[in-house]
Amino acid sequence: MKKYLFGLIALVGIAVLSAFAVSNTDTKKPTNTYFYKYTGPANPIIDDIQDRTNYQRFELSCDDGDHVCGVYLDTDGIEGAYPDTDEFDEVKDELWTSEDEESSELPGQIIMKN
């Protein structure tokens, strides 16, 4: 009986740890996506955050601050390229909400400065 109880406890523990590990993947870099860094004004307004020409394809690097750092999108571009218009339009509202609330609306996709 003790063997079965110990086995059951071990299985429950593994299940709980697995669920916790899955829930913590939100902040990791999405696979097969490319980072577009925000390059606009330091104290942006909504038009700055929602202007795709204020984002350029670079490797992830963020300075200190509470603003949007950039966004991961599916389409790759050469370094310095602007994001694809259609893809960017799908997240521009969430980019502004993230900026306004100083917290990512799409963790793992929209990256905030540290």
Protein backbone atom coordinates (compact mmCIF):
# COMPACT_ATOMS: atom_id res chain seq x y z
CA MET A 1 0.00 0.00 0.00
CA LYS A 2 2.85 2.41 0.82
CA LYS A 3 4.40 1.76 -2.61
CA TYR A 4 1.18 2.74 -4.36
CA LEU A 5 0.71 5.84 -2.22
CA PHE A 6 4.31 6.93 -2.83
CA GLY A 7 3.87 6.37 -6.60
CA LEU A 8 0.65 8.36 -6.64
CA ILE A 9 2.26 11.25 -4.77
CA ALA A 10 5.20 11.20 -7.19
CA LEU A 11 2.88 11.30 -10.22
CA VAL A 12 0.89 14.20 -8.77
CA GLY A 13 4.14 16.06 -8.08
CA ILE A 14 5.36 15.54 -11.63
CA ALA A 15 2.02 16.73 -13.03
CA VAL A 16 2.08 19.89 -10.90
CA LEU A 17 5.69 20.68 -11.87
CA SER A 18 4.93 20.08 -15.55
CA ALA A 19 1.95 22.43 -15.45
CA PHE A 20 4.08 25.10 -13.76
CA ALA A 21 6.84 24.73 -16.36
CA VAL A 22 4.34 25.13 -19.22
CA SER A 23 2.82 28.28 -17.68
CA ASN A 24 6.25 29.89 -17.35
CA THR A 25 7.01 29.70 -21.08
CA ASP A 26 5.05 32.91 -21.78
CA THR A 27 8.11 35.13 -21.41
CA LYS A 28 10.44 33.10 -23.60
CA LYS A 29 11.24 34.02 -27.20
CA PRO A 30 8.68 32.55 -29.57
CA THR A 31 10.08 30.04 -32.04
CA ASN A 32 10.49 30.99 -35.71
CA THR A 33 9.89 34.69 -35.06
CA TYR A 34 12.01 37.77 -35.58
CA PHE A 35 12.50 40.80 -33.35
CA TYR A 36 11.56 44.30 -34.49
CA LYS A 37 12.93 46.91 -32.09
CA TYR A 38 11.10 50.16 -31.34
CA THR A 39 13.30 53.01 -32.60
CA GLY A 40 10.94 55.97 -32.20
CA PRO A 41 10.88 58.82 -29.64
CA ALA A 42 11.83 58.04 -26.05
CA ASN A 43 8.52 59.31 -24.64
CA PRO A 44 6.11 58.06 -27.28
CA ILE A 45 2.49 58.92 -27.93
CA ILE A 46 0.01 56.52 -29.50
CA ASP A 47 0.95 57.55 -33.07
CA ASP A 48 4.63 56.77 -32.38
CA ILE A 49 3.94 53.31 -30.94
CA GLN A 50 1.50 52.39 -33.71
CA ASP A 51 3.74 53.57 -36.58
CA ARG A 52 5.45 50.56 -38.14
CA THR A 53 8.29 52.76 -39.44
CA ASN A 54 9.33 53.21 -35.79
CA TYR A 55 10.25 49.49 -35.66
CA GLN A 56 13.23 47.88 -37.33
CA ARG A 57 14.51 44.32 -37.60
CA PHE A 58 17.35 43.85 -35.08
CA GLU A 59 18.44 41.28 -32.56
CA LEU A 60 16.81 41.67 -29.16
CA SER A 61 18.48 44.30 -27.01
CA CYS A 62 16.63 46.61 -24.66
CA ASP A 63 17.75 49.58 -22.62
CA ASP A 64 16.41 50.37 -19.17
CA GLY A 65 12.95 51.91 -18.93
CA ASP A 66 9.25 51.17 -18.77
CA HIS A 67 8.41 51.47 -22.45
CA VAL A 68 7.83 49.04 -25.31
CA CYS A 69 11.16 47.64 -26.51
CA GLY A 70 9.87 45.79 -29.55
CA VAL A 71 7.83 42.95 -30.93
CA TYR A 72 8.43 39.47 -32.34
CA LEU A 73 6.78 38.84 -35.71
CA ASP A 74 6.78 35.88 -38.10
CA THR A 75 8.23 37.62 -41.17
CA ASP A 76 12.00 37.98 -41.31
CA GLY A 77 13.54 41.03 -42.86
CA ILE A 78 17.11 42.10 -43.41
CA GLU A 79 18.66 43.99 -40.50
CA GLY A 80 17.12 47.45 -40.32
CA ALA A 81 13.97 46.49 -42.30
CA TYR A 82 10.51 47.61 -41.21
CA PRO A 83 7.96 44.97 -40.20
CA ASP A 84 5.39 43.56 -42.62
CA THR A 85 2.38 45.91 -42.66
CA ASP A 86 -0.30 43.24 -42.20
CA GLU A 87 1.53 41.50 -39.35
CA PHE A 88 2.24 44.79 -37.62
CA ASP A 89 -1.38 45.93 -37.95
CA GLU A 90 -2.45 42.78 -36.06
CA VAL A 91 -0.50 43.84 -32.94
CA LYS A 92 -0.38 47.64 -33.05
CA ASP A 93 -3.33 48.06 -30.65
CA GLU A 94 -1.70 45.69 -28.16
CA LEU A 95 1.58 47.62 -28.54
CA TRP A 96 -0.14 50.83 -27.45
CA THR A 97 -1.95 49.12 -24.57
CA SER A 98 1.39 47.65 -23.45
CA GLU A 99 3.01 51.09 -23.59
CA ASP A 100 0.12 52.77 -21.80
CA GLU A 101 -0.05 50.16 -19.02
CA GLU A 102 3.76 49.61 -18.86
CA SER A 103 3.14 45.86 -19.11
CA SER A 104 3.14 43.53 -22.13
CA GLU A 105 -0.30 42.70 -23.49
CA LEU A 106 1.21 39.74 -25.35
CA PRO A 107 3.94 38.29 -23.10
CA GLY A 108 6.60 36.62 -25.17
CA GLN A 109 5.66 38.58 -28.29
CA ILE A 110 5.70 42.20 -27.10
CA ILE A 111 8.87 42.86 -25.13
CA MET A 112 9.08 45.68 -22.61
CA LYS A 113 12.26 47.49 -21.62
CA ASN A 114 13.57 46.30 -18.26
